[in-house]
C-alpha atoms as a PDB file:
ATOM      1  CA  UNK A   1     -13.754  21.532  -6.356  1.00  0.00           C
ATOM      2  CA  UNK A   2     -15.486  18.681  -4.523  1.00  0.00           C
ATOM      3  CA  UNK A   3     -13.369  15.609  -3.505  1.00  0.00           C
ATOM      4  CA  UNK A   4     -14.085  12.308  -5.098  1.00  0.00           C
ATOM      5  CA  UNK A   5     -15.091   9.311  -3.230  1.00  0.00           C
ATOM      6  CA  UNK A   6     -11.584   7.933  -3.455  1.00  0.00           C
ATOM      7  CA  UNK A   7      -9.952  11.293  -2.193  1.00  0.00           C
ATOM      8  CA  UNK A   8     -12.327  11.067   0.725  1.00  0.00           C
ATOM      9  CA  UNK A   9     -11.317   7.417   1.344  1.00  0.00           C
ATOM     10  CA  UNK A  10      -7.573   8.522   1.334  1.00  0.00           C
ATOM     11  CA  UNK A  11      -8.232  11.548   3.852  1.00  0.00           C
ATOM     12  CA  UNK A  12      -9.607   8.948   6.230  1.00  0.00           C
ATOM     13  CA  UNK A  13      -6.493   6.643   6.304  1.00  0.00           C
ATOM     14  CA  UNK A  14      -3.484   6.816   8.596  1.00  0.00           C
ATOM     15  CA  UNK A  15      -1.720  10.075   8.045  1.00  0.00           C
ATOM     16  CA  UNK A  16       1.643   8.426   7.457  1.00  0.00           C
ATOM     17  CA  UNK A  17       0.389   6.459   4.258  1.00  0.00           C
ATOM     18  CA  UNK A  18      -1.818   9.181   2.894  1.00  0.00           C
ATOM     19  CA  UNK A  19       0.830  10.652   0.691  1.00  0.00           C
ATOM     20  CA  UNK A  20       1.586   7.370  -0.861  1.00  0.00           C
ATOM     21  CA  UNK A  21      -2.105   6.700  -1.573  1.00  0.00           C
ATOM     22  CA  UNK A  22      -2.436  10.080  -3.206  1.00  0.00           C
ATOM     23  CA  UNK A  23       0.517   9.507  -5.381  1.00  0.00           C
ATOM     24  CA  UNK A  24      -0.967   6.001  -6.542  1.00  0.00           C
ATOM     25  CA  UNK A  25      -4.385   7.722  -6.832  1.00  0.00           C
ATOM     26  CA  UNK A  26      -2.959  10.549  -9.122  1.00  0.00           C
ATOM     27  CA  UNK A  27      -0.897   8.011 -11.255  1.00  0.00           C
ATOM     28  CA  UNK A  28      -3.894   6.041 -11.977  1.00  0.00           C
ATOM     29  CA  UNK A  29      -6.396   8.957 -12.408  1.00  0.00           C
ATOM     30  CA  UNK A  30      -4.066  10.671 -14.803  1.00  0.00           C
ATOM     31  CA  UNK A  31      -3.493   7.398 -16.779  1.00  0.00           C
ATOM     32  CA  UNK A  32      -7.290   6.640 -17.120  1.00  0.00           C
ATOM     33  CA  UNK A  33      -9.212   9.875 -16.479  1.00  0.00           C
ATOM     34  CA  UNK A  34     -12.409   8.537 -17.960  1.00  0.00           C
ATOM     35  CA  UNK A  35     -12.790   5.599 -15.572  1.00  0.00           C
ATOM     36  CA  UNK A  36     -15.580   6.024 -13.010  1.00  0.00           C
ATOM     37  CA  UNK A  37     -14.143   6.416  -9.362  1.00  0.00           C
ATOM     38  CA  UNK A  38     -15.982   4.041  -6.681  1.00  0.00           C
ATOM     39  CA  UNK A  39     -15.432   2.092  -3.641  1.00  0.00           C
ATOM     40  CA  UNK A  40     -15.537  -1.617  -4.188  1.00  0.00           C
ATOM     41  CA  UNK A  41     -14.860  -4.417  -1.662  1.00  0.00           C
ATOM     42  CA  UNK A  42     -13.942  -1.400   0.679  1.00  0.00           C
ATOM     43  CA  UNK A  43     -11.093  -0.343  -1.610  1.00  0.00           C
ATOM     44  CA  UNK A  44     -10.588   2.629  -4.018  1.00  0.00           C
ATOM     45  CA  UNK A  45     -11.650   1.311  -7.318  1.00  0.00           C
ATOM     46  CA  UNK A  46     -11.496   2.634 -11.012  1.00  0.00           C
ATOM     47  CA  UNK A  47     -14.278   1.104 -12.991  1.00  0.00           C
ATOM     48  CA  UNK A  48     -15.556   0.884 -16.434  1.00  0.00           C
ATOM     49  CA  UNK A  49     -18.392  -1.710 -16.915  1.00  0.00           C
ATOM     50  CA  UNK A  50     -16.395  -3.805 -14.374  1.00  0.00           C
ATOM     51  CA  UNK A  51     -13.583  -3.073 -11.612  1.00  0.00           C
ATOM     52  CA  UNK A  52     -10.546  -2.204 -13.589  1.00  0.00           C
ATOM     53  CA  UNK A  53      -8.079  -1.762 -10.785  1.00  0.00           C
ATOM     54  CA  UNK A  54      -8.150  -1.342  -7.118  1.00  0.00           C
ATOM     55  CA  UNK A  55      -5.587  -0.345  -4.432  1.00  0.00           C
ATOM     56  CA  UNK A  56      -5.451  -0.253  -0.601  1.00  0.00           C
ATOM     57  CA  UNK A  57      -3.305   0.013   2.206  1.00  0.00           C
ATOM     58  CA  UNK A  58      -2.001  -2.800   4.355  1.00  0.00           C
ATOM     59  CA  UNK A  59       0.400  -2.968   7.254  1.00  0.00           C
ATOM     60  CA  UNK A  60       3.768  -2.979   5.332  1.00  0.00           C
ATOM     61  CA  UNK A  61       2.690  -2.427   1.844  1.00  0.00           C
ATOM     62  CA  UNK A  62      -0.107  -1.165  -0.530  1.00  0.00           C
ATOM     63  CA  UNK A  63      -1.839  -3.730  -2.403  1.00  0.00           C
ATOM     64  CA  UNK A  64      -2.559  -2.966  -6.207  1.00  0.00           C
ATOM     65  CA  UNK A  65      -5.054  -5.121  -7.638  1.00  0.00           C
ATOM     66  CA  UNK A  66      -5.241  -5.074 -11.420  1.00  0.00           C
ATOM     67  CA  UNK A  67      -6.390  -8.540 -11.889  1.00  0.00           C
ATOM     68  CA  UNK A  68      -4.562 -11.647 -12.997  1.00  0.00           C
ATOM     69  CA  UNK A  69      -4.246 -10.830 -16.738  1.00  0.00           C
ATOM     70  CA  UNK A  70      -2.342  -7.684 -15.738  1.00  0.00           C
ATOM     71  CA  UNK A  71      -0.043  -9.507 -13.386  1.00  0.00           C
ATOM     72  CA  UNK A  72       0.792 -11.958 -16.466  1.00  0.00           C
ATOM     73  CA  UNK A  73       1.081  -9.109 -18.914  1.00  0.00           C
ATOM     74  CA  UNK A  74       3.629  -7.088 -16.789  1.00  0.00           C
ATOM     75  CA  UNK A  75       5.422 -10.091 -14.986  1.00  0.00           C
ATOM     76  CA  UNK A  76       8.546  -9.171 -16.375  1.00  0.00           C
ATOM     77  CA  UNK A  77       8.403  -5.494 -14.837  1.00  0.00           C
ATOM     78  CA  UNK A  78       7.137  -7.035 -11.522  1.00  0.00           C
ATOM     79  CA  UNK A  79      10.027  -9.081 -10.627  1.00  0.00           C
ATOM     80  CA  UNK A  80      11.091  -6.953  -7.670  1.00  0.00           C
ATOM     81  CA  UNK A  81       7.703  -7.210  -6.140  1.00  0.00           C
ATOM     82  CA  UNK A  82       5.630  -9.829  -4.331  1.00  0.00           C
ATOM     83  CA  UNK A  83       2.630 -10.731  -6.621  1.00  0.00           C
ATOM     84  CA  UNK A  84      -0.107 -13.268  -6.495  1.00  0.00           C
ATOM     85  CA  UNK A  85      -2.824 -14.090  -8.898  1.00  0.00           C
ATOM     86  CA  UNK A  86      -4.158 -10.692  -9.210  1.00  0.00           C
ATOM     87  CA  UNK A  87      -2.316  -8.512  -6.771  1.00  0.00           C
ATOM     88  CA  UNK A  88       1.150  -6.556  -6.395  1.00  0.00           C
ATOM     89  CA  UNK A  89       2.485  -5.768  -2.916  1.00  0.00           C
ATOM     90  CA  UNK A  90       4.177  -2.348  -3.127  1.00  0.00           C
ATOM     91  CA  UNK A  91       6.306  -2.268   0.101  1.00  0.00           C
ATOM     92  CA  UNK A  92       6.059   0.956   2.209  1.00  0.00           C
ATOM     93  CA  UNK A  93       9.865   1.154   2.627  1.00  0.00           C
ATOM     94  CA  UNK A  94      10.453   1.633  -1.172  1.00  0.00           C
ATOM     95  CA  UNK A  95       9.864   4.280  -3.806  1.00  0.00           C
ATOM     96  CA  UNK A  96       6.562   3.714  -5.497  1.00  0.00           C
ATOM     97  CA  UNK A  97       6.811   2.721  -9.243  1.00  0.00           C
ATOM     98  CA  UNK A  98       4.299   5.410 -10.463  1.00  0.00           C
ATOM     99  CA  UNK A  99       5.097   5.169 -14.139  1.00  0.00           C
ATOM    100  CA  UNK A 100       4.636   1.314 -14.039  1.00  0.00           C
ATOM    101  CA  UNK A 101       1.429   1.703 -11.821  1.00  0.00           C
ATOM    102  CA  UNK A 102      -0.014   4.110 -14.782  1.00  0.00           C
ATOM    103  CA  UNK A 103       1.031   1.653 -17.321  1.00  0.00           C
ATOM    104  CA  UNK A 104      -0.778  -1.108 -15.546  1.00  0.00           C
ATOM    105  CA  UNK A 105      -3.767   0.860 -15.135  1.00  0.00           C
ATOM    106  CA  UNK A 106      -3.853   2.036 -18.718  1.00  0.00           C
ATOM    107  CA  UNK A 107      -3.458  -1.397 -20.002  1.00  0.00           C
ATOM    108  CA  UNK A 108      -5.922  -2.842 -17.592  1.00  0.00           C
ATOM    109  CA  UNK A 109      -8.411  -0.097 -18.966  1.00  0.00           C
ATOM    110  CA  UNK A 110      -7.760  -0.771 -22.591  1.00  0.00           C
ATOM    111  CA  UNK A 111      -7.937  -4.551 -22.108  1.00  0.00           C
ATOM    112  CA  UNK A 112     -11.294  -4.483 -20.167  1.00  0.00           C
ATOM    113  CA  UNK A 113     -12.361  -7.869 -21.468  1.00  0.00           C
ATOM    114  CA  UNK A 114     -15.442  -8.807 -19.352  1.00  0.00           C
END
């Protein structure tokens, strides 16, 4: 099977972070399998008429970018993470909250307001 554009992106990242990126990719892809996969702003992006959710590695964390509405909707579940207007920082030294990532992705897909 041919790799997707996001899988190819992950393969090009630092070897140490690849497994975590693949875990996030699988959680989102499984939650919203009908979303189109693309790169937007240089980041893996799931898209349906607009950008639904992005993610990308940084030095000490992986950024998850579901947008400001999702951050507000999930504020109670994101208290352990650094957040900003439309982003969540998932520290590299902690286990990934894959169930929460999938929930956020599904919510973002279903609440595609633009």
